[in-house]
Amino acid sequence: MFYGKDWKGISIQDFILRVDAYIQWYNERRIKMSLGGLSPLEFRSKNMKDKTIA
């Protein structure tokens, strides 16, 4: 997403917004096979539900 992109002409504010969106995607929505095909957010949510039931 960020590698190999020409950032000339992109404002600092726009760059910050794009990096923030990427970090949010990475931390919350990306699918990880090591988490059973869930996103980190889905995995944490499921894990918390399992702990409250037990």
Protein backbone atom coordinates (compact mmCIF):
# COMPACT_ATOMS: atom_id res chain seq x y z
CA MET A 1 0.00 0.00 0.00
CA PHE A 2 2.76 2.44 0.90
CA TYR A 3 5.84 0.94 -0.72
CA GLY A 4 6.62 2.04 -4.24
CA LYS A 5 4.11 4.89 -4.09
CA ASP A 6 5.12 8.35 -5.19
CA TRP A 7 4.18 10.62 -2.29
CA LYS A 8 5.10 13.86 -4.06
CA GLY A 9 2.17 16.23 -4.09
CA ILE A 10 0.50 14.56 -1.07
CA SER A 11 0.01 16.88 1.88
CA ILE A 12 1.25 15.89 5.32
CA GLN A 13 -2.35 15.85 6.57
CA ASP A 14 -3.45 13.50 3.77
CA PHE A 15 -0.45 11.25 4.42
CA ILE A 16 -1.30 11.09 8.13
CA LEU A 17 -4.91 10.19 7.32
CA ARG A 18 -3.78 7.40 4.98
CA VAL A 19 -1.33 5.98 7.51
CA ASP A 20 -4.00 6.11 10.21
CA ALA A 21 -6.47 4.25 7.96
CA TYR A 22 -3.82 1.60 7.21
CA ILE A 23 -3.02 1.12 10.90
CA GLN A 24 -6.73 0.77 11.69
CA TRP A 25 -7.12 -1.81 8.91
CA TYR A 26 -4.02 -3.70 10.07
CA ASN A 27 -5.06 -3.79 13.73
CA GLU A 28 -8.77 -4.46 13.25
CA ARG A 29 -9.82 -5.86 9.87
CA ARG A 30 -7.03 -7.84 8.19
CA ILE A 31 -7.60 -11.58 8.05
CA LYS A 32 -5.01 -13.73 9.80
CA MET A 33 -4.87 -17.46 9.20
CA SER A 34 -3.05 -17.89 12.53
CA LEU A 35 -6.18 -16.49 14.20
CA GLY A 36 -8.41 -19.03 12.51
CA GLY A 37 -9.23 -16.85 9.51
CA LEU A 38 -10.55 -14.04 11.71
CA SER A 39 -9.50 -10.45 11.91
CA PRO A 40 -7.69 -9.42 15.11
CA LEU A 41 -10.80 -7.54 16.26
CA GLU A 42 -13.08 -10.54 15.60
CA PHE A 43 -10.61 -12.84 17.36
CA ARG A 44 -10.42 -10.65 20.46
CA SER A 45 -14.19 -10.27 20.55
CA LYS A 46 -14.73 -14.03 20.24
CA ASN A 47 -12.05 -14.72 22.82
CA MET A 48 -13.65 -12.34 25.32
CA LYS A 49 -17.07 -13.97 24.82
CA ASP A 50 -15.56 -17.42 25.37
CA LYS A 51 -13.91 -16.28 28.61
CA THR A 52 -17.12 -14.77 30.00
CA ILE A 53 -19.07 -17.95 29.24
CA ALA A 54 -16.53 -20.25 30.93
